[in-house]
Amino acid sequence: MKQIFSIPTEKDVESTALEFLPLLEKHKVVAFYGEMGVGKTTFIKALCRVLGVEGAVTSPSFSLVNEYEGSDGQIIFHFDFYRLKNVAEVFDMGYEDYFFSDHYCLIEWPEKIADVLPDHRLDIQILEEEDGSRTLKVL
């Protein structure tokens, strides 16, 4: 299984998301690590599109989680924990109901909830290269 994915330009994001899709067969929970502005939300939007989400996909910066439905009826949860004040907030939202639901859980800023992330997850690092391209690495 491929461990490194390249996104040469923004127009290549969706094709890379399609190439990434087989990794979701074994991992429903995916934690995306990367600096602010590196493209975590952009990649998750592309991943949602290739999963068949038809409406707008936006970052749940203030709500913590957005829910989408893919073309096959699969539920996709998109989390953004950047504004999380403390881990107690994820307990309040009932994170277990999401992470152990067998639905896709795509997580931005997972380091904010490191203590409660499920063990069976896929960790992805997104890096910006000097030429402006992006690299996704399976950790």
N, C-alpha and C. Protein backbone atom coordinates (compact mmCIF):
# COMPACT_ATOMS: atom_id res chain seq x y z
N MET A 1 0.86 -1.18 0.00
CA MET A 1 0.00 0.00 0.00
C MET A 1 0.90 1.24 0.00
N LYS A 2 0.52 2.20 -0.80
CA LYS A 2 1.31 3.41 -0.95
C LYS A 2 1.40 4.17 0.38
N GLN A 3 2.56 4.72 0.69
CA GLN A 3 2.79 5.41 1.95
C GLN A 3 3.06 6.91 1.79
N ILE A 4 3.37 7.35 0.57
CA ILE A 4 3.63 8.77 0.31
C ILE A 4 2.85 9.19 -0.92
N PHE A 5 2.17 10.32 -0.80
CA PHE A 5 1.37 10.86 -1.89
C PHE A 5 1.82 12.28 -2.17
N SER A 6 1.86 12.64 -3.43
CA SER A 6 2.29 13.97 -3.81
C SER A 6 1.13 14.75 -4.42
N ILE A 7 1.04 16.02 -4.06
CA ILE A 7 0.06 16.93 -4.66
C ILE A 7 0.87 18.07 -5.28
N PRO A 8 1.20 17.95 -6.57
CA PRO A 8 2.05 18.97 -7.21
C PRO A 8 1.43 20.37 -7.19
N THR A 9 0.12 20.47 -7.50
CA THR A 9 -0.56 21.77 -7.50
C THR A 9 -1.96 21.58 -6.92
N GLU A 10 -2.64 22.67 -6.64
CA GLU A 10 -3.98 22.58 -6.07
C GLU A 10 -4.95 21.86 -7.00
N LYS A 11 -4.73 21.96 -8.30
CA LYS A 11 -5.63 21.27 -9.24
C LYS A 11 -5.45 19.75 -9.19
N ASP A 12 -4.40 19.27 -8.54
CA ASP A 12 -4.14 17.83 -8.42
C ASP A 12 -4.70 17.22 -7.12
N VAL A 13 -5.32 18.03 -6.29
CA VAL A 13 -5.77 17.56 -4.98
C VAL A 13 -6.78 16.42 -5.11
N GLU A 14 -7.75 16.59 -6.00
CA GLU A 14 -8.80 15.58 -6.12
C GLU A 14 -8.25 14.25 -6.66
N SER A 15 -7.34 14.30 -7.62
CA SER A 15 -6.77 13.05 -8.14
C SER A 15 -5.94 12.34 -7.08
N THR A 16 -5.27 13.12 -6.24
CA THR A 16 -4.51 12.51 -5.13
C THR A 16 -5.47 11.92 -4.10
N ALA A 17 -6.58 12.58 -3.85
CA ALA A 17 -7.58 12.05 -2.92
C ALA A 17 -8.12 10.71 -3.43
N LEU A 18 -8.33 10.61 -4.72
CA LEU A 18 -8.80 9.37 -5.33
C LEU A 18 -7.76 8.26 -5.15
N GLU A 19 -6.51 8.61 -5.32
CA GLU A 19 -5.40 7.68 -5.14
C GLU A 19 -5.28 7.24 -3.67
N PHE A 20 -5.64 8.12 -2.76
CA PHE A 20 -5.57 7.90 -1.31
C PHE A 20 -6.70 7.00 -0.81
N LEU A 21 -7.81 7.00 -1.53
CA LEU A 21 -9.04 6.33 -1.11
C LEU A 21 -8.86 4.88 -0.63
N PRO A 22 -8.04 4.04 -1.27
CA PRO A 22 -7.90 2.66 -0.78
C PRO A 22 -7.45 2.55 0.68
N LEU A 23 -6.77 3.56 1.20
CA LEU A 23 -6.34 3.53 2.60
C LEU A 23 -7.54 3.56 3.55
N LEU A 24 -8.66 4.09 3.08
CA LEU A 24 -9.85 4.18 3.92
C LEU A 24 -10.57 2.84 4.07
N GLU A 25 -10.17 1.86 3.28
CA GLU A 25 -10.80 0.53 3.39
C GLU A 25 -10.49 -0.11 4.75
N LYS A 26 -9.30 0.16 5.28
CA LYS A 26 -8.89 -0.44 6.55
C LYS A 26 -8.95 0.54 7.72
N HIS A 27 -9.05 1.83 7.42
CA HIS A 27 -9.02 2.84 8.48
C HIS A 27 -10.16 3.83 8.28
N LYS A 28 -11.12 3.81 9.18
CA LYS A 28 -12.24 4.77 9.11
C LYS A 28 -11.88 6.08 9.79
N VAL A 29 -10.96 6.03 10.76
CA VAL A 29 -10.53 7.23 11.47
C VAL A 29 -9.17 7.66 10.93
N VAL A 30 -9.11 8.90 10.42
CA VAL A 30 -7.88 9.41 9.84
C VAL A 30 -7.54 10.74 10.51
N ALA A 31 -6.34 10.80 11.09
CA ALA A 31 -5.86 12.01 11.77
C ALA A 31 -4.88 12.73 10.85
N PHE A 32 -5.19 13.98 10.51
CA PHE A 32 -4.36 14.77 9.61
C PHE A 32 -3.53 15.78 10.42
N TYR A 33 -2.22 15.64 10.36
CA TYR A 33 -1.29 16.53 11.05
C TYR A 33 -0.66 17.47 10.03
N GLY A 34 -0.42 18.70 10.44
CA GLY A 34 0.24 19.65 9.55
C GLY A 34 0.08 21.06 10.08
N GLU A 35 0.96 21.91 9.62
CA GLU A 35 0.95 23.31 10.03
C GLU A 35 -0.31 24.02 9.52
N MET A 36 -0.62 25.15 10.11
CA MET A 36 -1.73 25.99 9.66
C MET A 36 -1.49 26.36 8.20
N GLY A 37 -2.51 26.20 7.38
CA GLY A 37 -2.42 26.60 5.98
C GLY A 37 -1.76 25.59 5.05
N VAL A 38 -1.43 24.42 5.54
CA VAL A 38 -0.73 23.43 4.72
C VAL A 38 -1.68 22.70 3.76
N GLY A 39 -2.98 22.73 4.05
CA GLY A 39 -3.93 22.12 3.13
C GLY A 39 -4.73 20.96 3.69
N LYS A 40 -4.82 20.87 5.02
CA LYS A 40 -5.60 19.78 5.62
C LYS A 40 -7.06 19.85 5.19
N THR A 41 -7.67 21.02 5.33
CA THR A 41 -9.07 21.19 4.96
C THR A 41 -9.25 20.98 3.46
N THR A 42 -8.36 21.50 2.66
CA THR A 42 -8.45 21.35 1.21
C THR A 42 -8.43 19.88 0.81
N PHE A 43 -7.55 19.10 1.45
CA PHE A 43 -7.48 17.68 1.12
C PHE A 43 -8.74 16.94 1.59
N ILE A 44 -9.21 17.27 2.78
CA ILE A 44 -10.42 16.63 3.30
C ILE A 44 -11.62 16.96 2.40
N LYS A 45 -11.71 18.20 1.92
CA LYS A 45 -12.78 18.56 0.98
C LYS A 45 -12.71 17.68 -0.27
N ALA A 46 -11.51 17.50 -0.80
CA ALA A 46 -11.34 16.67 -2.00
C ALA A 46 -11.69 15.22 -1.71
N LEU A 47 -11.31 14.74 -0.54
CA LEU A 47 -11.63 13.36 -0.14
C LEU A 47 -13.15 13.19 -0.05
N CYS A 48 -13.84 14.17 0.51
CA CYS A 48 -15.30 14.11 0.60
C CYS A 48 -15.92 14.11 -0.80
N ARG A 49 -15.37 14.89 -1.71
CA ARG A 49 -15.90 14.91 -3.09
C ARG A 49 -15.75 13.54 -3.75
N VAL A 50 -14.58 12.90 -3.59
CA VAL A 50 -14.40 11.59 -4.23
C VAL A 50 -15.23 10.51 -3.53
N LEU A 51 -15.65 10.77 -2.31
CA LEU A 51 -16.56 9.85 -1.61
C LEU A 51 -18.02 10.12 -1.99
N GLY A 52 -18.23 11.15 -2.80
CA GLY A 52 -19.57 11.42 -3.32
C GLY A 52 -20.38 12.45 -2.59
N VAL A 53 -19.75 13.22 -1.69
CA VAL A 53 -20.48 14.30 -1.01
C VAL A 53 -20.82 15.37 -2.05
N GLU A 54 -22.09 15.74 -2.11
CA GLU A 54 -22.52 16.68 -3.14
C GLU A 54 -22.59 18.13 -2.68
N GLY A 55 -22.91 18.37 -1.44
CA GLY A 55 -23.04 19.74 -0.96
C GLY A 55 -21.68 20.36 -0.62
N ALA A 56 -21.74 21.54 -0.06
CA ALA A 56 -20.52 22.23 0.35
C ALA A 56 -19.87 21.52 1.53
N VAL A 57 -18.56 21.40 1.46
CA VAL A 57 -17.77 20.84 2.55
C VAL A 57 -16.98 22.00 3.13
N THR A 58 -17.21 22.29 4.41
CA THR A 58 -16.55 23.42 5.05
C THR A 58 -15.87 22.96 6.33
N SER A 59 -14.90 23.72 6.77
CA SER A 59 -14.20 23.39 8.00
C SER A 59 -15.11 23.66 9.20
N PRO A 60 -15.22 22.68 10.09
CA PRO A 60 -16.06 22.88 11.28
C PRO A 60 -15.29 23.57 12.41
N SER A 61 -14.65 24.68 12.09
CA SER A 61 -13.80 25.37 13.06
C SER A 61 -14.51 25.73 14.35
N PHE A 62 -15.77 26.13 14.26
CA PHE A 62 -16.48 26.57 15.46
C PHE A 62 -17.41 25.49 16.01
N SER A 63 -17.93 24.64 15.14
CA SER A 63 -18.85 23.60 15.59
C SER A 63 -18.12 22.32 16.01
N LEU A 64 -16.86 22.21 15.71
CA LEU A 64 -15.99 21.05 15.97
C LEU A 64 -16.22 19.89 15.02
N VAL A 65 -17.47 19.66 14.59
CA VAL A 65 -17.73 18.53 13.69
C VAL A 65 -18.82 18.88 12.68
N ASN A 66 -18.60 18.47 11.43
CA ASN A 66 -19.63 18.54 10.39
C ASN A 66 -19.90 17.12 9.93
N GLU A 67 -21.11 16.88 9.51
CA GLU A 67 -21.50 15.55 9.04
C GLU A 67 -21.92 15.65 7.58
N TYR A 68 -21.41 14.71 6.78
CA TYR A 68 -21.74 14.64 5.36
C TYR A 68 -22.18 13.23 5.02
N GLU A 69 -22.82 13.09 3.87
CA GLU A 69 -23.20 11.76 3.40
C GLU A 69 -22.59 11.53 2.03
N GLY A 70 -21.89 10.40 1.88
CA GLY A 70 -21.29 10.04 0.61
C GLY A 70 -22.31 9.43 -0.33
N SER A 71 -21.91 9.18 -1.55
CA SER A 71 -22.82 8.66 -2.57
C SER A 71 -23.37 7.28 -2.24
N ASP A 72 -22.63 6.51 -1.46
CA ASP A 72 -23.10 5.16 -1.08
C ASP A 72 -23.87 5.16 0.24
N GLY A 73 -24.20 6.36 0.75
CA GLY A 73 -24.92 6.47 2.00
C GLY A 73 -24.03 6.47 3.23
N GLN A 74 -22.73 6.30 3.02
CA GLN A 74 -21.78 6.29 4.14
C GLN A 74 -21.72 7.68 4.78
N ILE A 75 -21.73 7.70 6.09
CA ILE A 75 -21.62 8.97 6.83
C ILE A 75 -20.14 9.32 7.00
N ILE A 76 -19.85 10.60 6.83
CA ILE A 76 -18.49 11.12 6.98
C ILE A 76 -18.54 12.24 8.01
N PHE A 77 -17.74 12.09 9.06
CA PHE A 77 -17.62 13.15 10.07
C PHE A 77 -16.29 13.87 9.85
N HIS A 78 -16.35 15.19 9.82
CA HIS A 78 -15.16 16.03 9.62
C HIS A 78 -14.98 16.87 10.88
N PHE A 79 -13.86 16.65 11.55
CA PHE A 79 -13.57 17.34 12.81
C PHE A 79 -12.46 18.36 12.61
N ASP A 80 -12.58 19.49 13.30
CA ASP A 80 -11.51 20.48 13.35
C ASP A 80 -11.38 20.91 14.81
N PHE A 81 -10.30 20.47 15.45
CA PHE A 81 -10.10 20.73 16.88
C PHE A 81 -9.17 21.91 17.14
N TYR A 82 -8.92 22.74 16.14
CA TYR A 82 -8.00 23.86 16.31
C TYR A 82 -8.42 24.78 17.46
N ARG A 83 -9.70 25.08 17.55
CA ARG A 83 -10.20 26.02 18.57
C ARG A 83 -10.60 25.35 19.88
N LEU A 84 -10.32 24.08 20.00
CA LEU A 84 -10.65 23.34 21.23
C LEU A 84 -9.90 23.94 22.41
N LYS A 85 -10.62 24.25 23.45
CA LYS A 85 -9.99 24.86 24.63
C LYS A 85 -9.37 23.80 25.55
N ASN A 86 -10.06 22.68 25.70
CA ASN A 86 -9.51 21.58 26.49
C ASN A 86 -10.18 20.28 26.08
N VAL A 87 -9.55 19.18 26.43
CA VAL A 87 -10.02 17.87 25.98
C VAL A 87 -11.41 17.52 26.55
N ALA A 88 -11.81 18.19 27.63
CA ALA A 88 -13.14 17.95 28.21
C ALA A 88 -14.24 18.24 27.18
N GLU A 89 -13.99 19.16 26.25
CA GLU A 89 -14.98 19.48 25.23
C GLU A 89 -15.29 18.27 24.34
N VAL A 90 -14.30 17.41 24.09
CA VAL A 90 -14.58 16.24 23.26
C VAL A 90 -15.37 15.19 24.03
N PHE A 91 -15.19 15.16 25.35
CA PHE A 91 -16.02 14.29 26.18
C PHE A 91 -17.46 14.77 26.14
N ASP A 92 -17.64 16.09 26.23
CA ASP A 92 -18.98 16.69 26.19
C ASP A 92 -19.70 16.41 24.88
N MET A 93 -18.96 16.36 23.79
CA MET A 93 -19.57 16.12 22.47
C MET A 93 -19.81 14.63 22.21
N GLY A 94 -19.35 13.77 23.11
CA GLY A 94 -19.54 12.33 22.94
C GLY A 94 -18.68 11.74 21.85
N TYR A 95 -17.39 12.06 21.89
CA TYR A 95 -16.46 11.65 20.83
C TYR A 95 -16.50 10.15 20.54
N GLU A 96 -16.75 9.33 21.58
CA GLU A 96 -16.76 7.87 21.38
C GLU A 96 -17.83 7.47 20.37
N ASP A 97 -18.97 8.16 20.40
CA ASP A 97 -20.06 7.85 19.47
C ASP A 97 -19.62 8.07 18.02
N TYR A 98 -18.70 8.98 17.79
CA TYR A 98 -18.18 9.24 16.45
C TYR A 98 -17.05 8.27 16.10
N PHE A 99 -16.01 8.26 16.95
CA PHE A 99 -14.79 7.52 16.64
C PHE A 99 -14.98 6.01 16.57
N PHE A 100 -15.98 5.49 17.26
CA PHE A 100 -16.21 4.04 17.27
C PHE A 100 -17.51 3.67 16.54
N SER A 101 -17.93 4.52 15.62
CA SER A 101 -19.20 4.35 14.92
C SER A 101 -19.10 3.54 13.64
N ASP A 102 -17.90 3.28 13.16
CA ASP A 102 -17.66 2.65 11.87
C ASP A 102 -18.02 3.57 10.70
N HIS A 103 -18.11 4.87 10.99
CA HIS A 103 -18.25 5.87 9.93
C HIS A 103 -16.88 6.53 9.74
N TYR A 104 -16.70 7.16 8.60
CA TYR A 104 -15.44 7.89 8.38
C TYR A 104 -15.35 9.05 9.36
N CYS A 105 -14.18 9.21 9.96
CA CYS A 105 -13.88 10.34 10.85
C CYS A 105 -12.58 10.95 10.36
N LEU A 106 -12.67 12.14 9.79
CA LEU A 106 -11.52 12.85 9.25
C LEU A 106 -11.20 13.99 10.19
N ILE A 107 -10.02 13.95 10.80
CA ILE A 107 -9.71 14.83 11.94
C ILE A 107 -8.58 15.80 11.64
N GLU A 108 -8.86 17.09 11.78
CA GLU A 108 -7.82 18.13 11.72
C GLU A 108 -7.43 18.50 13.15
N TRP A 109 -6.17 18.78 13.35
CA TRP A 109 -5.60 19.13 14.66
C TRP A 109 -5.79 18.02 15.69
N PRO A 110 -5.47 16.77 15.32
CA PRO A 110 -5.65 15.65 16.25
C PRO A 110 -4.74 15.73 17.47
N GLU A 111 -3.66 16.46 17.35
CA GLU A 111 -2.74 16.58 18.50
C GLU A 111 -3.43 17.22 19.71
N LYS A 112 -4.51 17.96 19.47
CA LYS A 112 -5.25 18.59 20.56
C LYS A 112 -6.04 17.58 21.40
N ILE A 113 -6.25 16.38 20.82
CA ILE A 113 -7.01 15.34 21.53
C ILE A 113 -6.23 14.02 21.57
N ALA A 114 -4.93 14.12 21.59
CA ALA A 114 -4.05 12.93 21.51
C ALA A 114 -4.43 11.84 22.50
N ASP A 115 -4.84 12.22 23.69
CA ASP A 115 -5.14 11.23 24.74
C ASP A 115 -6.38 10.41 24.46
N VAL A 116 -7.26 10.86 23.57
CA VAL A 116 -8.50 10.13 23.33
C VAL A 116 -8.61 9.59 21.90
N LEU A 117 -7.59 9.77 21.09
CA LEU A 117 -7.64 9.23 19.73
C LEU A 117 -7.66 7.71 19.78
N PRO A 118 -8.47 7.08 18.95
CA PRO A 118 -8.49 5.61 18.94
C PRO A 118 -7.17 5.06 18.41
N ASP A 119 -6.78 3.91 18.91
CA ASP A 119 -5.52 3.29 18.48
C ASP A 119 -5.57 2.87 17.02
N HIS A 120 -6.70 2.36 16.58
CA HIS A 120 -6.82 1.89 15.21
C HIS A 120 -7.23 3.06 14.31
N ARG A 121 -6.23 3.83 13.92
CA ARG A 121 -6.47 5.00 13.07
C ARG A 121 -5.30 5.12 12.11
N LEU A 122 -5.48 5.97 11.14
CA LEU A 122 -4.43 6.26 10.17
C LEU A 122 -3.94 7.67 10.44
N ASP A 123 -2.66 7.81 10.69
CA ASP A 123 -2.05 9.13 10.92
C ASP A 123 -1.38 9.59 9.63
N ILE A 124 -1.72 10.82 9.20
CA ILE A 124 -1.19 11.40 7.97
C ILE A 124 -0.55 12.74 8.29
N GLN A 125 0.68 12.93 7.82
CA GLN A 125 1.37 14.22 7.94
C GLN A 125 1.30 14.89 6.58
N ILE A 126 0.85 16.15 6.54
CA ILE A 126 0.85 16.92 5.30
C ILE A 126 1.94 17.97 5.42
N LEU A 127 2.83 17.99 4.44
CA LEU A 127 3.96 18.91 4.43
C LEU A 127 3.93 19.78 3.19
N GLU A 128 4.32 21.04 3.35
CA GLU A 128 4.49 21.92 2.19
C GLU A 128 5.95 21.86 1.79
N GLU A 129 6.18 21.59 0.52
CA GLU A 129 7.54 21.53 0.00
C GLU A 129 7.97 22.92 -0.46
N GLU A 130 9.27 23.08 -0.70
CA GLU A 130 9.82 24.39 -1.09
C GLU A 130 9.19 24.94 -2.37
N ASP A 131 8.80 24.05 -3.28
CA ASP A 131 8.21 24.48 -4.56
C ASP A 131 6.71 24.75 -4.44
N GLY A 132 6.15 24.63 -3.21
CA GLY A 132 4.73 24.89 -3.02
C GLY A 132 3.86 23.65 -3.14
N SER A 133 4.44 22.55 -3.60
CA SER A 133 3.67 21.30 -3.66
C SER A 133 3.46 20.77 -2.25
N ARG A 134 2.59 19.79 -2.14
CA ARG A 134 2.32 19.17 -0.84
C ARG A 134 2.66 17.69 -0.90
N THR A 135 3.08 17.16 0.23
CA THR A 135 3.36 15.73 0.37
C THR A 135 2.55 15.20 1.54
N LEU A 136 1.86 14.09 1.32
CA LEU A 136 1.13 13.40 2.37
C LEU A 136 1.92 12.14 2.71
N LYS A 137 2.23 11.99 3.97
CA LYS A 137 2.98 10.82 4.42
C LYS A 137 2.18 10.05 5.45
N VAL A 138 2.10 8.73 5.26
CA VAL A 138 1.51 7.87 6.27
C VAL A 138 2.53 7.73 7.37
N LEU A 139 2.13 8.03 8.61
CA LEU A 139 3.06 7.95 9.74
C LEU A 139 3.04 6.56 10.37
